[in-house]
Amino acid sequence: PEGTSYTHGAFWVYQSSVTPDGDIVKGYAVYNLYTGDGEELPVTRSRLVQDYPFDFTAASHEDDVAVIIPTREVQRRLLGVIASPDYAALHVPEYSLVSNPADARYQNCNEFMLDVLASGLWETADYTQIKVNLAASFKPARIKAGGLKRLFAPLADSRLRLGDQGRVIETVTFESLSQFMQDYGYAGEILRVDLGAGASAFTLP
């Protein structure tokens, strides 16, 4: 939609991983929330998957990805949540492409990232408290959609569930998440990476 540069987000964690041969290597593991494939899992439900950078970028239709590097303290707190049972507990399996971050009915990858971030920031796994705190501090993105589009969009794509939305469609985007982290000093740096040129193409937005 207009004003939305990216549609999928995940946590990239530099860690040790075991290869199929049993060797231990250092590299990035990617912690994702993916919607169901419509066969083993309905597209209106999601699952947590840990894969790797190639998997994250392979299906991209864009030439670049955006990167938010949190401050060291925020990184420490995020890693603590990701390594704990709280990470999976914060997952809401009912999925919507435009889930409302103020409502606990649905979740998408970006809202999941925000919830995990909030859990680390405020050191709580209480989902109700997380939503209260976010309502007071996080400004969601607004998606423009007229009455006809709101009426027929769910018929075209069942993942467009709007039961958690009010008069205005509000959701979490890269733009709203990065603005939140900048406003409160949680972001150390925000970069864009050109997938065609490789990791050397880090440039400030």
C-alpha atoms as a PDB file:
ATOM      1  CA  PRO A   1       0.000   0.000   0.000  1.00  0.00           C
ATOM      2  CA  GLU A   2       0.975   3.643  -0.371  1.00  0.00           C
ATOM      3  CA  GLY A   3       3.537   4.604   2.288  1.00  0.00           C
ATOM      4  CA  THR A   4       4.578   0.994   2.948  1.00  0.00           C
ATOM      5  CA  SER A   5       8.042   0.116   1.650  1.00  0.00           C
ATOM      6  CA  TYR A   6       8.326  -3.454   2.948  1.00  0.00           C
ATOM      7  CA  THR A   7       5.835  -6.172   3.867  1.00  0.00           C
ATOM      8  CA  HIS A   8       7.896  -8.777   5.765  1.00  0.00           C
ATOM      9  CA  GLY A   9      10.153  -8.409   8.775  1.00  0.00           C
ATOM     10  CA  ALA A  10      12.141 -10.732  11.031  1.00  0.00           C
ATOM     11  CA  PHE A  11      14.886 -10.810  13.643  1.00  0.00           C
ATOM     12  CA  TRP A  12      18.398 -11.582  12.391  1.00  0.00           C
ATOM     13  CA  VAL A  13      20.602 -13.009  15.134  1.00  0.00           C
ATOM     14  CA  TYR A  14      24.328 -13.639  14.745  1.00  0.00           C
ATOM     15  CA  GLN A  15      24.889 -16.988  16.444  1.00  0.00           C
ATOM     16  CA  SER A  16      26.470 -20.420  16.253  1.00  0.00           C
ATOM     17  CA  SER A  17      24.645 -22.953  14.085  1.00  0.00           C
ATOM     18  CA  VAL A  18      25.210 -26.653  13.439  1.00  0.00           C
ATOM     19  CA  THR A  19      25.582 -27.731   9.797  1.00  0.00           C
ATOM     20  CA  PRO A  20      24.125 -31.029   8.476  1.00  0.00           C
ATOM     21  CA  ASP A  21      27.677 -32.427   8.763  1.00  0.00           C
ATOM     22  CA  GLY A  22      27.803 -31.576  12.448  1.00  0.00           C
ATOM     23  CA  ASP A  23      30.176 -28.623  12.127  1.00  0.00           C
ATOM     24  CA  ILE A  24      29.564 -25.474  14.172  1.00  0.00           C
ATOM     25  CA  VAL A  25      29.644 -22.254  12.159  1.00  0.00           C
ATOM     26  CA  LYS A  26      28.974 -18.613  12.967  1.00  0.00           C
ATOM     27  CA  GLY A  27      26.398 -16.723  10.962  1.00  0.00           C
ATOM     28  CA  TYR A  28      22.978 -15.128  10.937  1.00  0.00           C
ATOM     29  CA  ALA A  29      19.884 -17.092  11.868  1.00  0.00           C
ATOM     30  CA  VAL A  30      16.563 -15.473  10.939  1.00  0.00           C
ATOM     31  CA  TYR A  31      13.605 -15.700  13.307  1.00  0.00           C
ATOM     32  CA  ASN A  32      10.416 -15.343  11.253  1.00  0.00           C
ATOM     33  CA  LEU A  33       6.660 -15.445  11.517  1.00  0.00           C
ATOM     34  CA  TYR A  34       5.212 -16.924   8.324  1.00  0.00           C
ATOM     35  CA  THR A  35       1.599 -17.311   7.262  1.00  0.00           C
ATOM     36  CA  GLY A  36       0.343 -20.813   6.520  1.00  0.00           C
ATOM     37  CA  ASP A  37       0.766 -22.363   3.080  1.00  0.00           C
ATOM     38  CA  GLY A  38      -2.926 -23.240   2.690  1.00  0.00           C
ATOM     39  CA  GLU A  39      -2.190 -26.971   2.776  1.00  0.00           C
ATOM     40  CA  GLU A  40      -0.550 -28.024   6.009  1.00  0.00           C
ATOM     41  CA  LEU A  41      -1.670 -24.811   7.708  1.00  0.00           C
ATOM     42  CA  PRO A  42      -4.456 -22.401   6.652  1.00  0.00           C
ATOM     43  CA  VAL A  43      -3.294 -19.055   5.266  1.00  0.00           C
ATOM     44  CA  THR A  44      -5.236 -17.363   8.056  1.00  0.00           C
ATOM     45  CA  ARG A  45      -2.914 -18.864  10.646  1.00  0.00           C
ATOM     46  CA  SER A  46       0.814 -18.395  11.164  1.00  0.00           C
ATOM     47  CA  ARG A  47       3.801 -20.276  12.492  1.00  0.00           C
ATOM     48  CA  LEU A  48       7.214 -19.350  13.877  1.00  0.00           C
ATOM     49  CA  VAL A  49      10.133 -20.497  11.730  1.00  0.00           C
ATOM     50  CA  GLN A  50      13.881 -20.164  12.212  1.00  0.00           C
ATOM     51  CA  ASP A  51      15.695 -20.145   8.871  1.00  0.00           C
ATOM     52  CA  TYR A  52      18.553 -18.241   7.233  1.00  0.00           C
ATOM     53  CA  PRO A  53      19.224 -15.028   5.229  1.00  0.00           C
ATOM     54  CA  PHE A  54      18.892 -16.803   1.867  1.00  0.00           C
ATOM     55  CA  ASP A  55      15.393 -17.968   2.810  1.00  0.00           C
ATOM     56  CA  PHE A  56      14.448 -14.443   3.882  1.00  0.00           C
ATOM     57  CA  THR A  57      15.573 -12.758   0.659  1.00  0.00           C
ATOM     58  CA  ALA A  58      14.821 -15.534  -1.870  1.00  0.00           C
ATOM     59  CA  ALA A  59      11.151 -14.632  -2.284  1.00  0.00           C
ATOM     60  CA  SER A  60      11.679 -10.872  -2.228  1.00  0.00           C
ATOM     61  CA  HIS A  61      10.258  -8.840  -5.094  1.00  0.00           C
ATOM     62  CA  GLU A  62      12.281  -5.785  -4.045  1.00  0.00           C
ATOM     63  CA  ASP A  63      15.884  -4.844  -4.768  1.00  0.00           C
ATOM     64  CA  ASP A  64      16.693  -3.908  -1.203  1.00  0.00           C
ATOM     65  CA  VAL A  65      15.982  -4.660   2.433  1.00  0.00           C
ATOM     66  CA  ALA A  66      15.847  -2.299   5.385  1.00  0.00           C
ATOM     67  CA  VAL A  67      17.790  -2.941   8.574  1.00  0.00           C
ATOM     68  CA  ILE A  68      17.144  -1.514  12.030  1.00  0.00           C
ATOM     69  CA  ILE A  69      20.128  -2.065  14.302  1.00  0.00           C
ATOM     70  CA  PRO A  70      18.973  -1.600  17.906  1.00  0.00           C
ATOM     71  CA  THR A  71      21.185  -0.065  20.561  1.00  0.00           C
ATOM     72  CA  ARG A  72      23.386  -2.521  22.444  1.00  0.00           C
ATOM     73  CA  GLU A  73      21.078  -2.533  25.464  1.00  0.00           C
ATOM     74  CA  VAL A  74      18.009  -3.182  23.333  1.00  0.00           C
ATOM     75  CA  GLN A  75      19.893  -5.944  21.501  1.00  0.00           C
ATOM     76  CA  ARG A  76      20.698  -7.557  24.840  1.00  0.00           C
ATOM     77  CA  ARG A  77      17.064  -7.477  25.903  1.00  0.00           C
ATOM     78  CA  LEU A  78      15.809  -8.767  22.557  1.00  0.00           C
ATOM     79  CA  LEU A  79      18.225 -11.686  22.630  1.00  0.00           C
ATOM     80  CA  GLY A  80      17.002 -12.543  26.104  1.00  0.00           C
ATOM     81  CA  VAL A  81      13.388 -12.733  24.917  1.00  0.00           C
ATOM     82  CA  ILE A  82      14.211 -14.678  21.728  1.00  0.00           C
ATOM     83  CA  ALA A  83      16.144 -17.269  23.760  1.00  0.00           C
ATOM     84  CA  SER A  84      13.328 -17.698  26.287  1.00  0.00           C
ATOM     85  CA  PRO A  85       9.905 -19.415  26.253  1.00  0.00           C
ATOM     86  CA  ASP A  86       8.362 -15.918  26.167  1.00  0.00           C
ATOM     87  CA  TYR A  87       9.232 -15.666  22.462  1.00  0.00           C
ATOM     88  CA  ALA A  88       6.818 -18.425  21.449  1.00  0.00           C
ATOM     89  CA  ALA A  89       4.285 -17.344  24.074  1.00  0.00           C
ATOM     90  CA  LEU A  90       3.993 -13.919  22.394  1.00  0.00           C
ATOM     91  CA  HIS A  91       2.894 -15.541  19.130  1.00  0.00           C
ATOM     92  CA  VAL A  92      -0.781 -15.131  18.194  1.00  0.00           C
ATOM     93  CA  PRO A  93      -1.482 -17.800  15.525  1.00  0.00           C
ATOM     94  CA  GLU A  94      -4.557 -16.062  14.084  1.00  0.00           C
ATOM     95  CA  TYR A  95      -3.151 -14.057  11.167  1.00  0.00           C
ATOM     96  CA  SER A  96      -4.104 -10.862   9.353  1.00  0.00           C
ATOM     97  CA  LEU A  97      -2.037  -9.026   6.741  1.00  0.00           C
ATOM     98  CA  VAL A  98      -3.038  -5.742   8.382  1.00  0.00           C
ATOM     99  CA  SER A  99      -3.366  -6.768  12.021  1.00  0.00           C
ATOM    100  CA  ASN A 100      -4.070  -3.923  14.429  1.00  0.00           C
ATOM    101  CA  PRO A 101      -1.284  -3.641  17.059  1.00  0.00           C
ATOM    102  CA  ALA A 102      -3.779  -2.318  19.628  1.00  0.00           C
ATOM    103  CA  ASP A 103      -5.880  -5.477  19.382  1.00  0.00           C
ATOM    104  CA  ALA A 104      -4.871  -9.002  20.431  1.00  0.00           C
ATOM    105  CA  ARG A 105      -7.098 -10.935  18.005  1.00  0.00           C
ATOM    106  CA  TYR A 106      -4.707 -11.158  15.071  1.00  0.00           C
ATOM    107  CA  GLN A 107      -0.996 -10.756  14.456  1.00  0.00           C
ATOM    108  CA  ASN A 108       1.383 -10.529  11.504  1.00  0.00           C
ATOM    109  CA  CYS A 109       5.185 -10.615  11.299  1.00  0.00           C
ATOM    110  CA  ASN A 110       5.634  -6.900  11.963  1.00  0.00           C
ATOM    111  CA  GLU A 111       3.269  -6.839  14.925  1.00  0.00           C
ATOM    112  CA  PHE A 112       5.001  -9.928  16.321  1.00  0.00           C
ATOM    113  CA  MET A 113       8.348  -8.118  16.073  1.00  0.00           C
ATOM    114  CA  LEU A 114       6.858  -5.124  17.872  1.00  0.00           C
ATOM    115  CA  ASP A 115       5.415  -7.339  20.629  1.00  0.00           C
ATOM    116  CA  VAL A 116       8.760  -9.112  21.151  1.00  0.00           C
ATOM    117  CA  LEU A 117      10.552  -5.753  21.195  1.00  0.00           C
ATOM    118  CA  ALA A 118       8.046  -4.427  23.744  1.00  0.00           C
ATOM    119  CA  SER A 119       8.508  -7.517  25.897  1.00  0.00           C
ATOM    120  CA  GLY A 120      12.240  -6.847  26.017  1.00  0.00           C
ATOM    121  CA  LEU A 121      11.923  -3.112  26.539  1.00  0.00           C
ATOM    122  CA  TRP A 122       9.513  -3.383  29.451  1.00  0.00           C
ATOM    123  CA  GLU A 123      10.765  -6.769  30.683  1.00  0.00           C
ATOM    124  CA  THR A 124       7.353  -8.386  30.754  1.00  0.00           C
ATOM    125  CA  ALA A 125       5.641 -11.260  28.962  1.00  0.00           C
ATOM    126  CA  ASP A 126       2.201 -10.077  30.097  1.00  0.00           C
ATOM    127  CA  TYR A 127       0.511  -9.611  26.730  1.00  0.00           C
ATOM    128  CA  THR A 128      -2.234  -7.401  28.110  1.00  0.00           C
ATOM    129  CA  GLN A 129       0.339  -5.083  29.693  1.00  0.00           C
ATOM    130  CA  ILE A 130       2.380  -5.008  26.491  1.00  0.00           C
ATOM    131  CA  LYS A 131      -0.672  -3.851  24.544  1.00  0.00           C
ATOM    132  CA  VAL A 132      -1.460  -1.179  27.147  1.00  0.00           C
ATOM    133  CA  ASN A 133       2.104   0.135  27.006  1.00  0.00           C
ATOM    134  CA  LEU A 134       2.144   0.176  23.210  1.00  0.00           C
ATOM    135  CA  ALA A 135      -1.186   1.976  23.040  1.00  0.00           C
ATOM    136  CA  ALA A 136       0.404   4.799  25.036  1.00  0.00           C
ATOM    137  CA  SER A 137       3.653   5.023  23.069  1.00  0.00           C
ATOM    138  CA  PHE A 138       3.453   3.449  19.600  1.00  0.00           C
ATOM    139  CA  LYS A 139       1.892   5.265  16.650  1.00  0.00           C
ATOM    140  CA  PRO A 140       0.720   2.726  14.049  1.00  0.00           C
ATOM    141  CA  ALA A 141       0.708   3.301  10.309  1.00  0.00           C
ATOM    142  CA  ARG A 142      -2.619   4.093   8.682  1.00  0.00           C
ATOM    143  CA  ILE A 143      -3.597   2.229   5.526  1.00  0.00           C
ATOM    144  CA  LYS A 144      -5.836   4.111   3.133  1.00  0.00           C
ATOM    145  CA  ALA A 145      -8.798   2.017   1.980  1.00  0.00           C
ATOM    146  CA  GLY A 146     -12.248   3.156   0.918  1.00  0.00           C
ATOM    147  CA  GLY A 147     -15.490   1.369   1.688  1.00  0.00           C
ATOM    148  CA  LEU A 148     -15.524  -0.768  -1.461  1.00  0.00           C
ATOM    149  CA  LYS A 149     -11.927  -1.862  -1.004  1.00  0.00           C
ATOM    150  CA  ARG A 150     -12.598  -2.790   2.630  1.00  0.00           C
ATOM    151  CA  LEU A 151     -15.671  -4.734   1.550  1.00  0.00           C
ATOM    152  CA  PHE A 152     -14.155  -6.714  -1.309  1.00  0.00           C
ATOM    153  CA  ALA A 153     -10.478  -7.080  -0.271  1.00  0.00           C
ATOM    154  CA  PRO A 154     -11.165  -9.956   2.179  1.00  0.00           C
ATOM    155  CA  LEU A 155     -12.987 -11.784  -0.627  1.00  0.00           C
ATOM    156  CA  ALA A 156      -9.892 -11.489  -2.830  1.00  0.00           C
ATOM    157  CA  ASP A 157      -7.466 -12.502  -0.066  1.00  0.00           C
ATOM    158  CA  SER A 158      -8.706 -14.257   3.069  1.00  0.00           C
ATOM    159  CA  ARG A 159      -5.635 -13.020   4.965  1.00  0.00           C
ATOM    160  CA  LEU A 160      -7.089  -9.492   4.898  1.00  0.00           C
ATOM    161  CA  ARG A 161      -9.081  -9.913   8.089  1.00  0.00           C
ATOM    162  CA  LEU A 162     -10.453  -6.619   9.360  1.00  0.00           C
ATOM    163  CA  GLY A 163     -12.321  -7.691  12.482  1.00  0.00           C
ATOM    164  CA  ASP A 164      -9.760  -5.960  14.697  1.00  0.00           C
ATOM    165  CA  GLN A 165      -9.953  -2.646  12.811  1.00  0.00           C
ATOM    166  CA  GLY A 166     -12.070   0.411  13.493  1.00  0.00           C
ATOM    167  CA  ARG A 167     -13.005   3.218  11.130  1.00  0.00           C
ATOM    168  CA  VAL A 168      -9.334   3.544  10.137  1.00  0.00           C
ATOM    169  CA  ILE A 169      -7.084   0.592   9.263  1.00  0.00           C
ATOM    170  CA  GLU A 170      -3.987   0.698  11.495  1.00  0.00           C
ATOM    171  CA  THR A 171      -1.061  -1.687  11.396  1.00  0.00           C
ATOM    172  CA  VAL A 172       2.699  -2.012  11.970  1.00  0.00           C
ATOM    173  CA  THR A 173       5.039  -1.189   9.077  1.00  0.00           C
ATOM    174  CA  PHE A 174       8.784  -0.747   8.764  1.00  0.00           C
ATOM    175  CA  GLU A 175       8.171   2.992   8.766  1.00  0.00           C
ATOM    176  CA  SER A 176       6.114   3.042  11.983  1.00  0.00           C
ATOM    177  CA  LEU A 177       8.423   0.595  13.765  1.00  0.00           C
ATOM    178  CA  SER A 178      11.591   2.484  12.845  1.00  0.00           C
ATOM    179  CA  GLN A 179       9.989   5.810  13.822  1.00  0.00           C
ATOM    180  CA  PHE A 180       9.023   4.384  17.219  1.00  0.00           C
ATOM    181  CA  MET A 181      12.560   3.133  17.815  1.00  0.00           C
ATOM    182  CA  GLN A 182      14.098   6.437  16.746  1.00  0.00           C
ATOM    183  CA  ASP A 183      11.708   8.528  18.843  1.00  0.00           C
ATOM    184  CA  TYR A 184      12.568   6.648  22.027  1.00  0.00           C
ATOM    185  CA  GLY A 185      16.261   6.098  21.368  1.00  0.00           C
ATOM    186  CA  TYR A 186      15.984   2.331  20.808  1.00  0.00           C
ATOM    187  CA  ALA A 187      17.595   2.352  17.337  1.00  0.00           C
ATOM    188  CA  GLY A 188      21.346   2.628  16.961  1.00  0.00           C
ATOM    189  CA  GLU A 189      21.282   2.828  13.176  1.00  0.00           C
ATOM    190  CA  ILE A 190      18.843   2.375  10.294  1.00  0.00           C
ATOM    191  CA  LEU A 191      20.213   1.150   6.968  1.00  0.00           C
ATOM    192  CA  ARG A 192      19.138  -0.047   3.559  1.00  0.00           C
ATOM    193  CA  VAL A 193      20.964  -2.917   1.841  1.00  0.00           C
ATOM    194  CA  ASP A 194      21.005  -3.290  -1.949  1.00  0.00           C
ATOM    195  CA  LEU A 195      20.471  -7.019  -2.599  1.00  0.00           C
ATOM    196  CA  GLY A 196      22.071  -6.752  -6.011  1.00  0.00           C
ATOM    197  CA  ALA A 197      25.294  -5.183  -4.755  1.00  0.00           C
ATOM    198  CA  GLY A 198      25.647  -7.240  -1.566  1.00  0.00           C
ATOM    199  CA  ALA A 199      26.420  -6.299   2.011  1.00  0.00           C
ATOM    200  CA  SER A 200      28.939  -3.642   0.994  1.00  0.00           C
ATOM    201  CA  ALA A 201      26.057  -1.452  -0.213  1.00  0.00           C
ATOM    202  CA  PHE A 202      24.934  -0.297   3.221  1.00  0.00           C
ATOM    203  CA  THR A 203      23.708   3.252   2.893  1.00  0.00           C
ATOM    204  CA  LEU A 204      21.781   5.536   5.164  1.00  0.00           C
ATOM    205  CA  PRO A 205      18.179   6.118   4.050  1.00  0.00           C
END
